[in-house]
Amino acid sequence: VQLQASGGGLVQAGGSRRLSCKATGTNFRLFGLGWYRQAPGKQRELVATIAMSGSTNYADSVKGRFTISRDNAKNSVSLQMINLKPEDTAVYYCNAEVAVFTDLREYWGKGTQVTVSS
């Protein structure tokens, strides 16, 4: 199973960006999905997660600005970001709990860079 994230780039403060992540492979099922980010010199931190039920969880710093969603039919997860701030600059990683038959593991995408200019 592979996770491929896309949608990163350069955006001005106050702008919007949508990140997408698609899982590909065979004989797998997705459970929890999420987005994390890592800024230079900082640890990776949780941005948002979404359960199979659709329940969501957000970091306080992005509440009201970011929206996570999933498309189970397309095995994908998205992160809509609005009102971006320079402090949102980071590499964004998608994360998934994936079951391949009975084997449940955590997978990470390679990351996509989001740079917010002031």
N, C-alpha and C. Protein backbone atom coordinates (compact mmCIF):
# COMPACT_ATOMS: atom_id res chain seq x y z
N VAL A 1 0.85 -1.18 0.00
CA VAL A 1 0.00 0.00 0.00
C VAL A 1 0.89 1.24 0.00
N GLN A 2 0.53 2.18 -0.85
CA GLN A 2 1.26 3.45 -0.90
C GLN A 2 0.30 4.61 -0.74
N LEU A 3 0.78 5.66 -0.07
CA LEU A 3 0.02 6.89 0.08
C LEU A 3 0.71 7.98 -0.72
N GLN A 4 -0.03 8.63 -1.58
CA GLN A 4 0.54 9.69 -2.41
C GLN A 4 -0.18 10.99 -2.12
N ALA A 5 0.55 11.93 -1.55
CA ALA A 5 -0.02 13.24 -1.23
C ALA A 5 0.29 14.24 -2.34
N SER A 6 -0.62 15.16 -2.52
CA SER A 6 -0.43 16.21 -3.52
C SER A 6 -1.16 17.47 -3.08
N GLY A 7 -0.85 18.56 -3.76
CA GLY A 7 -1.56 19.80 -3.50
C GLY A 7 -0.74 20.88 -2.81
N GLY A 8 0.46 20.54 -2.42
CA GLY A 8 1.29 21.54 -1.75
C GLY A 8 1.75 22.62 -2.71
N GLY A 9 2.33 23.67 -2.16
CA GLY A 9 2.84 24.75 -2.99
C GLY A 9 3.00 26.01 -2.19
N LEU A 10 3.21 27.10 -2.91
CA LEU A 10 3.39 28.41 -2.30
C LEU A 10 2.08 29.18 -2.34
N VAL A 11 1.70 29.74 -1.21
CA VAL A 11 0.46 30.50 -1.13
C VAL A 11 0.68 31.71 -0.23
N GLN A 12 -0.01 32.78 -0.53
CA GLN A 12 0.11 33.98 0.30
C GLN A 12 -0.73 33.83 1.57
N ALA A 13 -0.32 34.53 2.60
CA ALA A 13 -1.08 34.53 3.84
C ALA A 13 -2.52 34.97 3.55
N GLY A 14 -3.44 34.27 4.17
CA GLY A 14 -4.85 34.53 3.94
C GLY A 14 -5.44 33.71 2.81
N GLY A 15 -4.59 33.03 2.08
CA GLY A 15 -5.04 32.23 0.96
C GLY A 15 -5.51 30.85 1.37
N SER A 16 -5.83 30.05 0.37
CA SER A 16 -6.36 28.71 0.59
C SER A 16 -5.55 27.69 -0.19
N ARG A 17 -5.65 26.46 0.27
CA ARG A 17 -4.98 25.36 -0.41
C ARG A 17 -5.70 24.08 -0.03
N ARG A 18 -5.74 23.15 -0.97
CA ARG A 18 -6.36 21.86 -0.70
C ARG A 18 -5.36 20.75 -0.94
N LEU A 19 -5.13 19.96 0.07
CA LEU A 19 -4.23 18.81 -0.03
C LEU A 19 -5.07 17.55 -0.22
N SER A 20 -4.53 16.64 -1.01
CA SER A 20 -5.20 15.37 -1.22
C SER A 20 -4.20 14.23 -1.03
N CYS A 21 -4.71 13.10 -0.62
CA CYS A 21 -3.86 11.92 -0.43
C CYS A 21 -4.66 10.70 -0.85
N LYS A 22 -4.07 9.92 -1.71
CA LYS A 22 -4.76 8.73 -2.21
C LYS A 22 -3.95 7.49 -1.88
N ALA A 23 -4.63 6.48 -1.43
CA ALA A 23 -4.01 5.20 -1.14
C ALA A 23 -4.19 4.26 -2.31
N THR A 24 -3.11 3.60 -2.69
CA THR A 24 -3.18 2.63 -3.78
C THR A 24 -2.56 1.32 -3.34
N GLY A 25 -3.01 0.25 -3.95
CA GLY A 25 -2.51 -1.07 -3.61
C GLY A 25 -3.62 -2.09 -3.82
N THR A 26 -3.44 -3.27 -3.26
CA THR A 26 -4.45 -4.31 -3.41
C THR A 26 -4.81 -4.89 -2.05
N ASN A 27 -6.03 -5.37 -1.96
CA ASN A 27 -6.50 -6.10 -0.77
C ASN A 27 -6.31 -5.31 0.52
N PHE A 28 -6.66 -4.05 0.50
CA PHE A 28 -6.49 -3.27 1.71
C PHE A 28 -7.80 -2.55 2.06
N ARG A 29 -7.87 -2.12 3.32
CA ARG A 29 -9.00 -1.34 3.80
C ARG A 29 -8.46 -0.24 4.70
N LEU A 30 -8.99 0.95 4.51
CA LEU A 30 -8.54 2.09 5.30
C LEU A 30 -9.41 2.26 6.54
N PHE A 31 -8.77 2.59 7.64
CA PHE A 31 -9.50 2.91 8.87
C PHE A 31 -9.28 4.39 9.18
N GLY A 32 -8.60 4.71 10.25
CA GLY A 32 -8.36 6.11 10.57
C GLY A 32 -7.43 6.77 9.56
N LEU A 33 -7.73 8.03 9.23
CA LEU A 33 -6.91 8.80 8.32
C LEU A 33 -6.55 10.12 8.97
N GLY A 34 -5.42 10.68 8.57
CA GLY A 34 -5.04 11.94 9.18
C GLY A 34 -4.00 12.70 8.40
N TRP A 35 -3.83 13.93 8.82
CA TRP A 35 -2.78 14.79 8.29
C TRP A 35 -1.92 15.27 9.46
N TYR A 36 -0.63 15.24 9.23
CA TYR A 36 0.35 15.74 10.19
C TYR A 36 1.25 16.73 9.45
N ARG A 37 1.98 17.53 10.21
CA ARG A 37 2.91 18.45 9.55
C ARG A 37 4.17 18.59 10.38
N GLN A 38 5.23 18.96 9.69
CA GLN A 38 6.50 19.17 10.36
C GLN A 38 7.17 20.41 9.78
N ALA A 39 7.32 21.39 10.64
CA ALA A 39 7.99 22.63 10.26
C ALA A 39 9.49 22.47 10.52
N PRO A 40 10.32 23.28 9.86
CA PRO A 40 11.78 23.18 10.06
C PRO A 40 12.15 23.35 11.53
N GLY A 41 12.94 22.42 12.02
CA GLY A 41 13.40 22.50 13.40
C GLY A 41 12.39 22.09 14.44
N LYS A 42 11.24 21.61 14.01
CA LYS A 42 10.19 21.23 14.95
C LYS A 42 9.80 19.77 14.76
N GLN A 43 9.13 19.23 15.77
CA GLN A 43 8.67 17.86 15.68
C GLN A 43 7.40 17.78 14.83
N ARG A 44 7.17 16.61 14.29
CA ARG A 44 5.94 16.39 13.54
C ARG A 44 4.76 16.50 14.49
N GLU A 45 3.71 17.18 14.05
CA GLU A 45 2.55 17.37 14.89
C GLU A 45 1.27 17.01 14.15
N LEU A 46 0.28 16.63 14.93
CA LEU A 46 -1.01 16.29 14.37
C LEU A 46 -1.72 17.55 13.89
N VAL A 47 -2.32 17.46 12.71
CA VAL A 47 -3.13 18.56 12.20
C VAL A 47 -4.61 18.20 12.32
N ALA A 48 -4.97 17.05 11.77
CA ALA A 48 -6.38 16.64 11.80
C ALA A 48 -6.46 15.14 11.55
N THR A 49 -7.49 14.53 12.12
CA THR A 49 -7.76 13.12 11.86
C THR A 49 -9.24 12.93 11.58
N ILE A 50 -9.53 11.84 10.88
CA ILE A 50 -10.93 11.51 10.60
C ILE A 50 -11.08 10.00 10.70
N ALA A 51 -12.06 9.58 11.47
CA ALA A 51 -12.32 8.16 11.67
C ALA A 51 -13.20 7.62 10.54
N MET A 52 -13.35 6.30 10.52
CA MET A 52 -14.23 5.70 9.52
C MET A 52 -15.65 6.22 9.66
N SER A 53 -16.04 6.53 10.88
CA SER A 53 -17.38 7.04 11.14
C SER A 53 -17.58 8.46 10.62
N GLY A 54 -16.45 9.11 10.32
CA GLY A 54 -16.53 10.50 9.89
C GLY A 54 -16.24 11.49 11.00
N SER A 55 -16.09 11.01 12.20
CA SER A 55 -15.78 11.94 13.30
C SER A 55 -14.38 12.51 13.11
N THR A 56 -14.22 13.75 13.44
CA THR A 56 -12.97 14.45 13.17
C THR A 56 -12.35 15.02 14.44
N ASN A 57 -11.07 15.28 14.34
CA ASN A 57 -10.32 15.87 15.45
C ASN A 57 -9.31 16.84 14.84
N TYR A 58 -9.17 18.01 15.45
CA TYR A 58 -8.27 19.02 14.91
C TYR A 58 -7.34 19.57 15.98
N ALA A 59 -6.15 19.95 15.54
CA ALA A 59 -5.27 20.70 16.43
C ALA A 59 -5.90 22.06 16.69
N ASP A 60 -5.72 22.58 17.87
CA ASP A 60 -6.31 23.87 18.22
C ASP A 60 -5.89 24.96 17.25
N SER A 61 -4.66 24.87 16.76
CA SER A 61 -4.12 25.92 15.90
C SER A 61 -4.79 26.00 14.53
N VAL A 62 -5.51 24.95 14.15
CA VAL A 62 -6.13 24.96 12.81
C VAL A 62 -7.65 24.91 12.87
N LYS A 63 -8.22 24.80 14.05
CA LYS A 63 -9.68 24.73 14.17
C LYS A 63 -10.32 25.95 13.55
N GLY A 64 -11.36 25.70 12.77
CA GLY A 64 -12.06 26.80 12.12
C GLY A 64 -11.44 27.22 10.80
N ARG A 65 -10.24 26.72 10.52
CA ARG A 65 -9.57 27.09 9.25
C ARG A 65 -9.35 25.88 8.34
N PHE A 66 -9.14 24.72 8.93
CA PHE A 66 -8.87 23.52 8.16
C PHE A 66 -10.05 22.56 8.28
N THR A 67 -10.32 21.83 7.21
CA THR A 67 -11.37 20.82 7.21
C THR A 67 -10.84 19.55 6.58
N ILE A 68 -10.92 18.46 7.32
CA ILE A 68 -10.50 17.17 6.80
C ILE A 68 -11.72 16.41 6.32
N SER A 69 -11.56 15.68 5.23
CA SER A 69 -12.67 14.88 4.71
C SER A 69 -12.09 13.62 4.07
N ARG A 70 -12.95 12.64 3.89
CA ARG A 70 -12.50 11.39 3.28
C ARG A 70 -13.51 10.92 2.25
N ASP A 71 -13.01 10.20 1.26
CA ASP A 71 -13.85 9.58 0.25
C ASP A 71 -13.50 8.10 0.27
N ASN A 72 -14.32 7.33 0.93
CA ASN A 72 -14.00 5.91 1.09
C ASN A 72 -14.01 5.16 -0.25
N ALA A 73 -14.85 5.59 -1.15
CA ALA A 73 -14.92 4.92 -2.45
C ALA A 73 -13.64 5.14 -3.25
N LYS A 74 -12.99 6.27 -3.01
CA LYS A 74 -11.77 6.59 -3.74
C LYS A 74 -10.51 6.37 -2.91
N ASN A 75 -10.71 5.85 -1.69
CA ASN A 75 -9.55 5.60 -0.81
C ASN A 75 -8.68 6.85 -0.66
N SER A 76 -9.33 7.95 -0.37
CA SER A 76 -8.59 9.20 -0.30
C SER A 76 -9.02 10.04 0.90
N VAL A 77 -8.14 10.95 1.25
CA VAL A 77 -8.40 11.90 2.32
C VAL A 77 -7.91 13.26 1.84
N SER A 78 -8.64 14.29 2.21
CA SER A 78 -8.29 15.65 1.79
C SER A 78 -8.22 16.57 3.00
N LEU A 79 -7.51 17.66 2.79
CA LEU A 79 -7.42 18.69 3.83
C LEU A 79 -7.62 20.03 3.15
N GLN A 80 -8.74 20.65 3.40
CA GLN A 80 -9.02 21.98 2.87
C GLN A 80 -8.53 23.00 3.89
N MET A 81 -7.65 23.88 3.43
CA MET A 81 -7.06 24.87 4.33
C MET A 81 -7.43 26.27 3.84
N ILE A 82 -7.98 27.08 4.72
CA ILE A 82 -8.30 28.45 4.38
C ILE A 82 -7.62 29.38 5.39
N ASN A 83 -7.60 30.66 5.03
CA ASN A 83 -7.00 31.65 5.92
C ASN A 83 -5.62 31.19 6.41
N LEU A 84 -4.80 30.78 5.48
CA LEU A 84 -3.49 30.26 5.84
C LEU A 84 -2.59 31.33 6.44
N LYS A 85 -1.75 30.91 7.36
CA LYS A 85 -0.84 31.80 8.06
C LYS A 85 0.60 31.35 7.83
N PRO A 86 1.56 32.24 7.94
CA PRO A 86 2.97 31.84 7.76
C PRO A 86 3.36 30.67 8.66
N GLU A 87 2.78 30.61 9.85
CA GLU A 87 3.11 29.52 10.77
C GLU A 87 2.54 28.17 10.33
N ASP A 88 1.74 28.16 9.29
CA ASP A 88 1.26 26.89 8.72
C ASP A 88 2.29 26.29 7.76
N THR A 89 3.34 27.02 7.49
CA THR A 89 4.39 26.52 6.61
C THR A 89 5.02 25.26 7.19
N ALA A 90 5.00 24.19 6.40
CA ALA A 90 5.50 22.90 6.87
C ALA A 90 5.41 21.89 5.74
N VAL A 91 6.01 20.74 5.98
CA VAL A 91 5.76 19.59 5.12
C VAL A 91 4.58 18.85 5.72
N TYR A 92 3.58 18.61 4.91
CA TYR A 92 2.36 17.95 5.36
C TYR A 92 2.38 16.49 4.93
N TYR A 93 2.10 15.64 5.88
CA TYR A 93 2.11 14.19 5.64
C TYR A 93 0.73 13.61 5.87
N CYS A 94 0.32 12.74 4.97
CA CYS A 94 -0.91 12.01 5.24
C CYS A 94 -0.56 10.70 5.94
N ASN A 95 -1.49 10.25 6.73
CA ASN A 95 -1.29 9.08 7.57
C ASN A 95 -2.54 8.21 7.49
N ALA A 96 -2.33 6.90 7.50
CA ALA A 96 -3.48 6.01 7.41
C ALA A 96 -3.26 4.74 8.20
N GLU A 97 -4.31 4.31 8.84
CA GLU A 97 -4.34 2.98 9.44
C GLU A 97 -4.90 2.05 8.37
N VAL A 98 -4.10 1.09 7.97
CA VAL A 98 -4.46 0.26 6.82
C VAL A 98 -4.46 -1.21 7.22
N ALA A 99 -5.52 -1.89 6.86
CA ALA A 99 -5.58 -3.33 7.06
C ALA A 99 -5.39 -4.02 5.72
N VAL A 100 -4.39 -4.86 5.67
CA VAL A 100 -4.18 -5.72 4.50
C VAL A 100 -4.49 -7.13 4.97
N PHE A 101 -5.63 -7.63 4.55
CA PHE A 101 -6.20 -8.84 5.13
C PHE A 101 -6.36 -8.61 6.63
N THR A 102 -5.68 -9.34 7.48
CA THR A 102 -5.85 -9.16 8.93
C THR A 102 -4.71 -8.37 9.57
N ASP A 103 -3.79 -7.90 8.76
CA ASP A 103 -2.62 -7.19 9.25
C ASP A 103 -2.91 -5.69 9.27
N LEU A 104 -2.97 -5.07 10.44
CA LEU A 104 -3.26 -3.65 10.57
C LEU A 104 -1.97 -2.89 10.84
N ARG A 105 -1.68 -1.91 9.98
CA ARG A 105 -0.45 -1.13 10.13
C ARG A 105 -0.71 0.34 9.87
N GLU A 106 0.26 1.15 10.26
CA GLU A 106 0.20 2.57 10.01
C GLU A 106 1.11 2.90 8.81
N TYR A 107 0.58 3.68 7.91
CA TYR A 107 1.33 4.08 6.73
C TYR A 107 1.44 5.60 6.67
N TRP A 108 2.54 6.06 6.08
CA TRP A 108 2.78 7.49 5.89
C TRP A 108 3.05 7.79 4.42
N GLY A 109 2.52 8.91 3.97
CA GLY A 109 2.87 9.40 2.65
C GLY A 109 4.21 10.12 2.73
N LYS A 110 4.76 10.49 1.59
CA LYS A 110 6.07 11.13 1.54
C LYS A 110 6.06 12.59 1.94
N GLY A 111 4.91 13.20 1.97
CA GLY A 111 4.85 14.59 2.37
C GLY A 111 4.77 15.54 1.19
N THR A 112 4.11 16.66 1.43
CA THR A 112 4.00 17.70 0.43
C THR A 112 4.23 19.04 1.12
N GLN A 113 5.06 19.87 0.52
CA GLN A 113 5.46 21.13 1.14
C GLN A 113 4.40 22.20 0.93
N VAL A 114 4.03 22.85 2.01
CA VAL A 114 3.16 24.03 1.95
C VAL A 114 3.95 25.21 2.52
N THR A 115 4.08 26.23 1.73
CA THR A 115 4.80 27.43 2.15
C THR A 115 3.85 28.62 2.08
N VAL A 116 3.68 29.29 3.20
CA VAL A 116 2.79 30.45 3.27
C VAL A 116 3.63 31.69 3.44
N SER A 117 3.55 32.57 2.47
CA SER A 117 4.34 33.80 2.52
C SER A 117 3.54 34.92 3.16
N SER A 118 4.25 35.77 3.88
CA SER A 118 3.57 36.87 4.58
C SER A 118 3.47 38.11 3.71
